[in-house]
Protein backbone atom coordinates (compact mmCIF):
# COMPACT_ATOMS: atom_id res chain seq x y z
CA MET A 1 29.69 142.43 97.85
CA THR A 2 32.38 141.31 95.97
CA ALA A 3 35.22 144.67 95.36
CA ARG A 4 35.01 146.17 92.10
CA ILE A 5 38.48 146.56 90.46
CA ARG A 6 39.19 148.51 86.89
CA HIS A 7 41.33 147.09 85.03
CA ASN A 8 44.15 145.52 87.18
CA ASP A 9 44.62 148.70 89.31
CA TRP A 10 44.41 146.95 93.00
CA SER A 11 44.75 150.55 94.55
CA SER A 12 40.81 150.87 95.37
CA LEU A 13 41.75 147.82 97.96
CA ARG A 14 43.03 148.57 101.50
CA PRO A 15 44.73 145.48 103.08
CA ALA A 16 44.34 145.95 107.15
CA PRO A 17 47.82 146.14 108.78
CA LEU A 18 49.80 143.17 109.85
CA GLY A 19 48.54 141.73 112.89
CA ALA A 20 45.63 143.90 113.29
CA TRP A 21 42.76 142.04 111.73
CA THR A 22 40.92 138.77 111.89
CA PRO A 23 41.13 135.97 109.71
CA ARG A 24 38.88 133.57 108.58
CA LEU A 25 39.82 131.99 105.63
CA SER A 26 41.75 128.80 105.64
CA VAL A 27 44.36 128.67 103.48
CA SER A 28 46.62 125.51 101.49
CA VAL A 29 50.19 125.66 101.23
CA VAL A 30 51.21 123.50 98.20
CA ILE A 31 54.61 122.87 97.89
CA PRO A 32 55.79 120.48 94.71
CA ALA A 33 59.06 118.55 95.97
CA TYR A 34 61.49 116.08 94.23
CA GLN A 35 64.84 114.69 95.92
CA CYS A 36 65.33 117.92 98.28
CA GLN A 37 64.34 116.50 101.64
CA ASP A 38 67.22 118.98 103.33
CA ALA A 39 65.80 121.78 101.39
CA LEU A 40 62.11 120.85 102.08
CA ASP A 41 63.02 120.28 106.51
CA ARG A 42 64.01 124.42 106.12
CA THR A 43 60.93 125.28 104.21
CA LEU A 44 58.91 123.52 106.33
CA ALA A 45 60.46 124.61 109.69
CA ALA A 46 59.60 128.49 108.40
CA LEU A 47 56.06 127.42 108.20
CA ALA A 48 55.81 126.30 111.45
CA ALA A 49 56.62 129.63 112.80
CA GLN A 50 53.78 131.97 110.57
CA SER A 51 51.57 134.47 112.08
CA TYR A 52 48.61 133.11 110.26
CA PRO A 53 46.84 131.23 112.46
CA ALA A 54 47.32 127.30 112.31
CA ASP A 55 43.96 125.81 112.63
CA LEU A 56 43.52 127.99 109.36
CA THR A 57 46.98 126.33 107.72
CA GLU A 58 47.32 123.33 106.09
CA VAL A 59 50.72 122.50 104.24
CA VAL A 60 50.28 119.88 101.57
CA VAL A 61 53.63 118.42 100.17
CA ALA A 62 53.00 116.58 96.28
CA ASP A 63 56.51 114.19 96.43
CA ASP A 64 57.13 113.73 92.44
CA GLY A 65 58.53 110.50 92.88
CA SER A 66 61.33 111.01 94.88
CA THR A 67 63.45 108.29 95.98
CA PRO A 68 64.28 107.69 98.64
CA ALA A 69 60.36 108.93 99.51
CA LEU A 70 60.17 112.33 101.47
CA THR A 71 59.22 112.23 105.12
CA LEU A 72 57.84 114.93 107.53
CA PRO A 73 60.77 116.26 110.09
CA PRO A 74 59.87 117.37 113.62
CA LEU A 75 59.93 121.19 112.59
CA ALA A 76 56.79 121.22 110.66
CA PRO A 77 53.13 122.67 110.75
CA HIS A 78 50.87 120.62 112.58
CA GLN A 79 48.69 120.01 109.79
CA THR A 80 51.13 118.72 107.10
CA ARG A 81 51.03 115.92 105.02
CA ILE A 82 52.99 114.58 101.64
CA VAL A 83 50.87 113.00 98.96
CA ARG A 84 52.69 111.28 95.86
CA VAL A 85 52.07 112.25 92.36
CA PRO A 86 49.99 109.83 90.80
CA ALA A 87 52.06 106.54 89.00
CA GLY A 88 52.28 107.75 85.27
CA SER A 89 52.27 111.14 86.23
CA TRP A 90 55.47 113.48 87.11
CA GLY A 91 57.01 117.06 86.38
CA ARG A 92 56.35 120.37 88.45
CA GLY A 93 52.67 120.67 86.44
CA ALA A 94 51.68 117.32 87.95
CA ALA A 95 52.81 117.44 91.29
CA ARG A 96 51.41 121.21 91.64
CA GLN A 97 47.96 120.01 90.62
CA ALA A 98 48.09 116.58 92.95
CA GLY A 99 48.77 119.08 95.69
CA ALA A 100 45.90 121.14 94.58
CA SER A 101 43.62 118.16 94.44
CA ALA A 102 44.45 117.04 97.88
CA ALA A 103 44.36 120.78 99.23
CA SER A 104 41.26 121.61 101.30
CA GLY A 105 41.87 125.22 101.97
CA ASP A 106 39.84 128.28 100.83
CA VAL A 107 43.26 129.63 98.95
CA ILE A 108 45.81 127.80 97.77
CA HIS A 109 49.38 129.22 98.31
CA TRP A 110 51.63 127.73 95.97
CA LEU A 111 55.29 127.86 97.57
CA ASP A 112 58.35 125.73 96.20
CA ALA A 113 60.45 123.51 98.62
CA ASP A 114 63.93 125.50 98.65
CA MET A 115 61.56 128.84 99.95
CA LEU A 116 62.23 130.78 103.71
CA LEU A 117 59.23 132.82 104.20
CA ASP A 118 59.48 136.06 106.73
CA ARG A 119 56.80 135.40 109.99
CA GLU A 120 53.96 137.49 108.19
CA HIS A 121 54.17 136.10 105.01
CA ILE A 122 51.31 133.88 104.70
CA GLU A 123 49.28 136.54 106.50
CA ALA A 124 50.23 139.34 104.02
CA HIS A 125 49.06 137.04 101.14
CA MET A 126 45.69 136.09 103.01
CA ARG A 127 44.34 139.49 103.82
CA TRP A 128 44.27 140.45 100.20
CA HIS A 129 42.20 137.01 99.76
CA HIS A 130 39.30 138.46 102.71
CA LEU A 131 39.00 141.49 100.04
CA ALA A 132 38.10 140.08 96.73
CA ALA A 133 37.78 136.64 95.74
CA TYR A 134 39.71 136.89 92.27
CA VAL A 135 43.01 138.36 93.30
CA VAL A 136 46.24 136.76 92.63
CA VAL A 137 49.09 137.81 95.42
CA HIS A 138 52.80 137.54 94.52
CA GLY A 139 55.29 137.56 97.48
CA THR A 140 58.55 139.64 97.36
CA ILE A 141 61.84 137.33 97.01
CA ARG A 142 64.87 138.04 97.99
CA PHE A 143 68.02 135.90 96.74
CA VAL A 144 71.00 135.68 99.42
CA SER A 145 74.37 134.26 99.04
CA ALA A 146 75.09 132.32 102.31
CA GLU A 147 75.35 128.91 103.95
CA GLN A 148 72.58 126.97 104.47
CA PRO A 149 70.71 127.34 108.11
CA SER A 150 69.58 124.74 109.74
CA PRO A 151 66.07 124.00 110.23
CA ALA A 152 65.96 124.74 113.93
CA HIS A 153 67.75 127.94 113.62
CA VAL A 154 65.24 128.84 110.66
CA TYR A 155 62.36 128.46 112.91
CA ALA A 156 64.18 130.12 115.84
CA GLU A 157 64.92 133.66 113.67
CA VAL A 158 61.57 133.42 111.94
CA ALA A 159 59.40 132.36 115.11
CA ALA A 160 61.03 136.28 116.51
CA GLY A 161 60.08 137.78 113.21
CA ARG A 162 63.90 138.06 112.35
CA SER A 163 63.88 136.32 109.36
CA ALA A 164 66.61 138.38 108.22
CA ASN A 165 69.14 137.96 110.58
CA LEU A 166 69.58 133.98 109.13
CA PHE A 167 72.20 135.68 106.63
CA PRO A 168 74.33 138.03 108.59
CA GLY A 169 76.76 139.67 106.25
CA ALA A 170 75.08 138.07 103.05
CA ASP A 171 75.05 139.43 99.77
CA VAL A 172 71.35 140.09 99.02
CA HIS A 173 69.85 140.24 95.25
CA PRO A 174 66.45 141.72 94.18
CA HIS A 175 65.09 139.85 90.90
CA VAL A 176 66.29 142.83 88.44
CA TRP A 177 63.63 142.17 85.82
CA LEU A 178 60.63 141.48 88.21
CA GLU A 179 61.94 145.06 90.07
CA LYS A 180 62.07 146.54 86.84
CA THR A 181 58.50 145.48 85.47
CA LEU A 182 56.90 146.80 88.85
CA ALA A 183 58.74 149.99 88.57
CA GLU A 184 57.25 150.59 85.22
CA THR A 185 54.00 149.25 85.84
CA ARG A 186 53.69 151.15 89.20
CA HIS A 187 53.47 147.83 90.99
CA LEU A 188 50.99 146.04 88.07
CA ARG A 189 48.82 148.79 88.46
CA ASP A 190 48.86 150.00 85.02
CA ALA A 191 49.55 146.12 83.45
CA ARG A 192 46.80 146.06 81.32
CA SER A 193 47.40 144.04 78.70
CA ASN A 194 49.72 141.37 80.43
CA PRO A 195 49.04 141.77 84.29
CA SER A 196 49.95 137.83 84.73
CA ARG A 197 53.74 138.41 83.70
CA LEU A 198 55.27 138.07 86.59
CA HIS A 199 53.36 134.79 87.95
CA SER A 200 55.27 132.35 89.73
CA GLY A 201 55.43 129.33 91.72
CA ALA A 202 58.07 130.05 94.06
CA THR A 203 55.43 132.19 95.98
CA THR A 204 51.86 133.25 94.95
CA SER A 205 48.43 132.29 96.01
CA VAL A 206 44.63 132.39 94.93
CA ARG A 207 41.75 131.72 95.80
CA ALA A 208 40.76 127.47 95.15
CA ALA A 209 37.54 128.42 93.04
CA MET A 210 39.55 130.63 91.07
CA LEU A 211 42.06 128.29 90.23
CA ALA A 212 39.25 125.68 89.22
CA ARG A 213 37.83 128.50 86.82
CA ALA A 214 41.22 128.69 85.34
CA GLY A 215 41.33 125.20 84.72
CA GLY A 216 43.48 124.23 87.25
CA VAL A 217 47.69 123.26 86.65
CA ASP A 218 48.60 122.03 83.04
CA VAL A 219 50.34 118.51 84.43
CA THR A 220 51.80 118.22 81.08
CA MET A 221 54.09 121.00 81.51
CA ASN A 222 57.49 120.56 83.65
CA MET A 223 58.86 124.08 83.14
CA GLY A 224 56.92 126.98 82.65
CA GLU A 225 53.68 125.75 83.95
CA ASP A 226 53.35 128.58 86.39
CA THR A 227 53.78 131.15 83.81
CA GLU A 228 50.75 129.28 81.87
CA LEU A 229 48.63 128.89 84.60
CA GLY A 230 49.05 133.01 85.20
CA TYR A 231 47.86 133.19 81.42
CA ARG A 232 44.83 131.45 82.10
CA LEU A 233 44.10 133.03 85.67
CA THR A 234 43.87 136.51 83.33
CA GLN A 235 41.25 135.01 80.76
CA ALA A 236 39.46 133.91 83.80
CA GLY A 237 38.85 137.63 85.14
CA ALA A 238 42.02 137.44 87.60
CA VAL A 239 43.99 140.56 89.19
CA PHE A 240 47.49 140.08 89.92
CA ILE A 241 49.08 141.93 93.70
CA PRO A 242 52.42 141.89 93.96
CA ASP A 243 52.92 142.58 98.22
CA ALA A 244 56.24 143.99 99.42
CA GLU A 245 55.31 142.88 102.91
CA ALA A 246 55.58 139.20 102.17
CA LEU A 247 58.70 138.79 102.46
CA SER A 248 60.78 135.34 101.34
CA TRP A 249 64.13 134.34 101.18
CA HIS A 250 65.94 131.72 98.48
CA VAL A 251 69.54 130.87 99.05
CA GLY A 252 71.52 131.28 95.88
CA LYS A 253 70.87 131.93 92.30
CA SER A 254 67.10 130.17 90.71
CA THR A 255 67.38 128.14 87.80
CA VAL A 256 66.64 131.27 85.42
CA MET A 257 69.61 133.26 86.80
CA LEU A 258 72.22 130.45 86.23
CA ARG A 259 70.75 128.99 83.10
CA GLU A 260 68.43 132.16 81.58
CA LYS A 261 68.68 131.01 77.80
CA GLU A 262 68.60 127.25 78.57
CA VAL A 263 65.57 128.14 80.33
CA HIS A 264 64.14 130.32 77.54
CA ARG A 265 64.80 128.12 74.52
CA HIS A 266 62.77 125.01 76.47
CA ASN A 267 59.87 127.43 78.12
CA TRP A 268 59.78 129.58 74.85
CA THR A 269 58.46 126.43 72.43
CA LEU A 270 55.54 126.11 75.07
CA PHE A 271 55.18 129.73 75.68
CA ALA A 272 54.80 130.47 71.73
CA ASP A 273 51.82 128.11 71.28
CA ARG A 274 49.90 128.51 74.57
CA ILE A 275 50.13 131.96 75.55
CA PRO A 276 48.91 134.39 72.37
CA ASP A 277 49.34 137.46 74.54
CA LEU A 278 53.24 137.10 74.24
CA ARG A 279 53.37 138.31 70.40
CA TRP A 280 56.96 138.42 69.55
CA LEU A 281 57.07 134.73 70.36
CA ARG A 282 54.90 134.33 66.89
CA ALA A 283 56.59 136.05 64.30
CA HIS A 284 55.40 133.52 62.03
CA PRO A 285 52.96 134.81 59.04
CA ARG A 286 50.76 131.46 59.01
CA ARG A 287 51.47 129.22 62.01
CA VAL A 288 48.71 127.38 63.56
CA TYR A 289 48.83 127.54 67.43
CA SER A 290 46.81 125.68 69.79
CA VAL A 291 45.53 128.74 71.56
CA PRO A 292 44.71 131.51 69.23
CA TYR A 293 45.24 135.20 69.85
CA VAL A 294 41.32 135.63 68.74
CA GLU A 295 37.93 133.79 68.37
CA VAL A 296 35.40 134.57 65.64
CA VAL A 297 32.28 133.38 66.09
CA VAL A 298 29.28 133.04 63.05
CA ALA A 299 26.03 131.94 63.45
CA ALA A 300 25.01 129.79 60.63
CA THR A 301 22.29 130.98 58.49
CA THR A 302 22.48 129.91 55.07
CA TYR A 303 25.15 127.98 53.48
CA GLU A 304 26.49 130.95 51.02
CA GLU A 305 26.53 133.81 53.20
CA THR A 306 27.83 131.83 55.93
CA ARG A 307 30.97 130.96 54.06
CA GLY A 308 31.41 134.26 52.50
CA THR A 309 31.65 135.76 56.28
CA VAL A 310 34.20 132.37 57.51
CA ASP A 311 36.14 132.71 54.09
CA SER A 312 36.36 136.54 55.05
CA ALA A 313 37.50 135.91 58.79
CA LEU A 314 40.05 133.12 57.22
CA ALA A 315 41.79 135.93 54.79
CA GLN A 316 42.73 138.30 57.81
CA THR A 317 46.02 139.72 58.02
CA ILE A 318 45.99 138.07 61.79
CA HIS A 319 46.68 134.24 60.53
CA ASP A 320 46.87 133.77 64.15
CA LEU A 321 42.56 133.02 64.64
CA SER A 322 40.24 130.18 64.77
CA VAL A 323 36.52 130.58 63.59
CA THR A 324 33.70 128.92 65.57
CA ILE A 325 30.54 128.10 63.46
CA GLU A 326 27.27 128.34 65.91
CA GLY A 327 24.81 125.67 64.71
CA PRO A 328 22.94 122.98 65.82
CA TRP A 329 26.34 120.26 64.89
CA ASP A 330 25.13 117.73 67.58
CA GLU A 331 21.35 117.35 65.63
CA LEU A 332 23.45 116.43 62.54
CA PRO A 333 21.73 112.96 61.28
CA THR A 334 24.56 109.93 61.08
CA GLY A 335 22.21 107.43 59.81
CA ARG A 336 20.81 107.37 55.76
CA ARG A 337 19.38 110.56 54.59
CA ALA A 338 18.00 112.15 51.05
CA SER A 339 21.89 114.26 50.25
CA LEU A 340 19.77 116.90 48.63
CA ASP A 341 16.71 117.28 50.65
CA GLU A 342 17.73 116.48 54.02
CA PRO A 343 16.55 119.63 56.32
CA MET A 344 19.90 120.65 57.64
CA LEU A 345 21.22 120.42 54.35
CA ASP A 346 23.05 123.87 54.53
CA LEU A 347 24.54 123.05 58.48
CA ARG A 348 25.85 119.96 56.64
CA LEU A 349 27.40 121.59 53.53
CA LEU A 350 29.38 124.02 56.17
CA GLY A 351 30.90 121.01 57.41
CA ASN A 352 31.46 119.65 54.63
CA LEU A 353 33.52 122.85 53.30
CA TYR A 354 35.72 123.16 56.49
CA ALA A 355 36.48 119.73 57.68
CA GLY A 356 39.97 119.81 56.50
CA GLU A 357 40.57 123.50 57.60
CA PRO A 358 42.37 123.31 61.33
CA ARG A 359 41.09 127.02 62.46
CA VAL A 360 37.33 125.93 62.38
CA ASN A 361 35.30 125.38 65.03
CA ARG A 362 37.57 124.35 67.46
CA ALA A 363 37.08 124.42 71.10
CA VAL A 364 39.22 127.69 72.07
CA GLN A 365 39.16 130.74 74.86
CA ALA A 366 41.15 133.06 73.11
CA PRO A 367 42.29 136.15 74.48
CA TYR A 368 39.66 137.91 72.10
CA ARG A 369 36.17 137.12 70.62
CA LEU A 370 34.83 138.64 67.75
CA THR A 371 31.17 137.88 66.98
CA LEU A 372 29.78 138.58 63.43
CA PRO A 373 26.55 138.22 61.92
CA ALA A 374 26.52 135.62 58.67
CA GLY A 375 26.19 137.53 55.40
CA TRP A 376 29.07 140.27 56.44
CA SER A 377 32.66 140.21 55.12
CA LEU A 378 35.21 141.16 56.83
CA GLY A 379 38.12 143.54 55.14
CA ALA A 380 41.41 141.92 55.24
CA ASP A 381 42.87 143.79 58.54
CA SER A 382 39.28 144.25 60.03
CA VAL A 383 40.46 141.61 63.10
CA ALA A 384 44.00 143.91 63.66
CA ARG A 385 42.56 147.10 63.55
CA LEU A 386 39.79 146.45 65.78
CA VAL A 387 42.30 144.51 68.40
CA LYS A 388 44.80 147.06 67.95
CA LEU A 389 41.94 149.56 68.91
CA ALA A 390 40.71 147.40 71.75
CA GLU A 391 44.18 147.07 73.13
CA SER A 392 45.32 150.54 72.88
CA GLN A 393 42.80 152.04 74.83
CA GLY A 394 41.90 148.73 77.32
CA TYR A 395 38.53 148.37 75.92
CA GLY A 396 36.99 145.26 77.20
CA LEU A 397 33.96 145.57 74.30
CA VAL A 398 33.66 147.59 71.06
CA CYS A 399 30.86 147.03 69.28
CA ALA A 400 30.64 147.86 65.34
CA ALA A 401 27.38 149.29 63.94
CA LEU A 402 26.78 147.66 61.02
CA ALA A 403 23.45 148.55 59.99
CA GLU A 404 19.76 149.01 60.81
CA THR A 405 17.48 146.37 60.92
CA HIS A 406 13.85 145.49 62.00
CA ASP A 407 15.35 143.85 65.37
CA GLY A 408 17.69 146.97 65.61
CA VAL A 409 21.20 147.48 65.12
CA ALA A 410 23.16 144.78 63.41
CA THR A 411 26.53 144.70 65.14
CA ALA A 412 29.69 143.13 65.10
CA ARG A 413 31.48 142.34 68.91
CA LEU A 414 34.63 142.47 69.90
CA GLU A 415 34.78 141.03 73.25
CA LYS A 416 37.95 140.95 75.82
CA THR A 417 37.36 137.67 77.27
CA ALA A 418 39.17 138.57 80.48
CA ALA A 419 36.88 141.51 80.81
CA TYR A 420 33.51 139.58 80.16
CA ASN A 421 34.93 136.51 82.97
CA ARG A 422 35.90 139.19 85.59
CA ALA A 423 32.00 140.41 84.69
CA ARG A 424 30.46 137.03 85.62
CA LEU A 425 31.65 137.31 89.05
CA PHE A 426 28.98 139.80 89.60
CA PRO A 427 26.22 137.63 89.01
CA GLY A 428 22.59 139.15 88.24
CA GLU A 429 24.03 142.48 86.37
CA ALA A 430 24.18 142.62 83.10
CA PRO A 431 28.02 141.98 81.62
CA ASP A 432 28.05 144.91 79.27
CA ASP A 433 27.19 147.12 81.88
CA VAL A 434 30.21 145.34 84.39
CA VAL A 435 32.69 145.95 81.26
CA ASP A 436 31.93 149.20 80.72
CA GLU A 437 32.34 150.25 84.43
CA LEU A 438 35.46 148.47 84.67
CA PHE A 439 37.05 148.48 81.15
CA GLY A 440 35.44 150.67 79.03
CA ALA A 441 33.12 149.97 75.80
CA HIS A 442 33.38 151.63 72.74
CA TRP A 443 31.41 152.10 69.33
CA VAL A 444 32.30 152.37 65.94
CA ASP A 445 31.10 152.51 62.34
CA GLY A 446 31.59 149.38 61.03
CA ALA A 447 32.47 150.26 57.55
CA GLU A 448 34.96 152.54 58.51
CA PHE A 449 36.73 148.73 59.99
CA GLY A 450 36.19 147.50 56.52
CA VAL A 451 33.06 145.44 57.35
CA VAL A 452 30.60 145.67 54.73
CA PRO A 453 27.96 143.52 53.10
CA LEU A 454 29.08 140.56 51.21
CA GLU A 455 27.49 141.89 47.94
CA GLU A 456 30.10 144.66 48.74
CA ALA A 457 33.18 143.05 49.47
CA GLU A 458 36.30 142.58 47.04
CA PRO A 459 36.55 139.03 45.77
CA LEU A 460 39.40 136.51 47.91
CA LYS A 461 42.12 136.07 45.32
CA GLY A 462 45.56 135.48 45.28
CA ASP A 463 47.67 136.60 48.41
CA ALA A 464 44.47 138.30 50.23
CA GLN A 465 45.64 139.07 53.54
CA THR A 466 48.41 141.29 51.94
CA TRP A 467 47.29 142.96 48.91
CA ARG A 468 43.21 143.24 49.95
CA ALA A 469 45.06 145.05 53.25
CA LEU A 470 47.08 147.40 50.83
CA ALA A 471 44.13 148.19 48.00
CA GLU A 472 41.66 149.25 51.38
CA LYS A 473 44.23 151.06 53.00
CA HIS A 474 44.43 153.19 49.24
CA LYS A 475 40.84 153.13 48.84
CA ALA A 476 40.95 155.02 52.31
CA GLU A 477 42.77 157.24 51.12
CA ALA A 478 41.81 157.84 47.78
CA ARG A 479 38.13 158.48 49.70
CA LYS A 480 39.97 161.35 52.31
CA HIS A 481 41.54 162.89 49.01
CA ARG A 482 38.37 163.00 47.03
CA ALA A 483 36.32 164.56 50.03
CA GLU A 484 38.80 167.03 50.87
CA ALA A 485 38.84 167.69 46.46
CA GLU A 486 35.31 168.43 46.87
CA ARG A 487 35.71 171.02 49.85
CA TRP A 488 38.13 172.78 47.82
CA LYS A 489 35.99 172.68 44.90
CA ALA A 490 33.14 174.42 46.59
CA GLU A 491 35.16 176.67 48.56
CA ALA A 492 36.14 177.59 44.76
CA GLU A 493 32.83 178.07 42.87
CA LYS A 494 31.90 180.53 46.55
CA LEU A 495 34.53 182.77 46.14
CA ALA A 496 33.83 182.77 42.23
CA ALA A 497 30.03 183.81 42.46
CA GLN A 498 31.19 186.95 44.53
CA PRO A 499 32.08 190.20 43.51
CA PRO A 500 35.84 190.51 42.95
CA ALA A 501 36.04 193.35 45.73
CA LYS A 502 34.70 190.62 48.16
CA ARG A 503 36.54 187.79 47.28
CA ARG A 504 39.14 186.52 49.72
CA TRP A 505 40.93 183.24 49.41
CA ARG A 506 40.18 181.41 53.05
CA GLY A 507 41.86 178.24 51.85
CA ARG A 508 45.38 176.95 52.24
């Protein structure tokens, strides 16, 4: 049975002590490499000394066009091979995916070509994958200032369990930001909103099936591909686990440490467009991004009521959203037709109306998905308020009750993508029940969040996102004050009806 983990709290898992369990899963260590023969020789030497069974381990080195081509040194795991990145592709993303595509293991263990692993590093990773099929495991990296040891020396010390002795007297530096993040989140157990923040290709591992669910590595990215993959693994339902016993060494500082501002300047342009969870990178009020923050889904009914609902979604204070109009689009005829009398005229009109709107009918997987019946209008900040509620409480589902119908209660549903993809890992169970158990579900009154029938909605005029939100805020305050005034009026009338001797003001 697959382990059930709430949010990212992996503490319910109980991994076996190192050396005291029996492995059964195979692992493929995938190493993207370019012009780094000497560093690769040391990395492979450390891999040859691992405690994880050799018959369950393979190493795939993805040569990203090195000249001369990389070769296998004498000290390397028995099942080690080199593959070349396909012609026309290049970069770390392409190399990682080329290695993963050639791998045969149950688990993909990413490793940079300049890392030296402790003897039990792979074993430490793999014990978690035997407990749950959807975990992503992070190793622990120590940065050292020292001379590079020879491959033979690396193999001897690692095989003897003395990897720390590779660098006698050297200064050892932890990753400061990483350590700070771990301390603030109880080693990611409390990291609800962005558990993948530490995902790095230097030394992480994931089930091959989970990697496939997430869509693999983006081959167009030469930097930051590991961070972007971490975001998609989150959406696929992954749980992220840092293991302090999966120790590794990096001689010298990382590129981020040496050129932090330049790396951020480069990578943040990619992350802003592809990782909607990084809200601080999306400060522009009107930008359209490749991956939106919220997807609003409306099932097409009549042209008029579907248009009203879609337009209210496009007028949200959160501009960072897309709208999917569900309907049999592939059945629309392309040949000669009676323009005013065709059977699917309403769907045709919707297609005509939104043909030039880049936020309508895009294939996306946003962090949140709001399903809304046609014929209802969102208030200007309805989406923002629903998402804020879900984020603040970690809910996987927020249902807004709209009205009683002959089919039951009409609702608007805000679903957290990561929660529902986690629930789909438990086939045969109702997704809503699993989401409620692992993330929590919550009901609200749709009217309190500004969701009203189209005939009751304010017209969309002017700067709708700003002025409608402000007007609705003032209206809500006015309703509150009117109710309070009515209470005081009733209290006063009640007192006035009593004899003077019995009157006692109970208000403020």
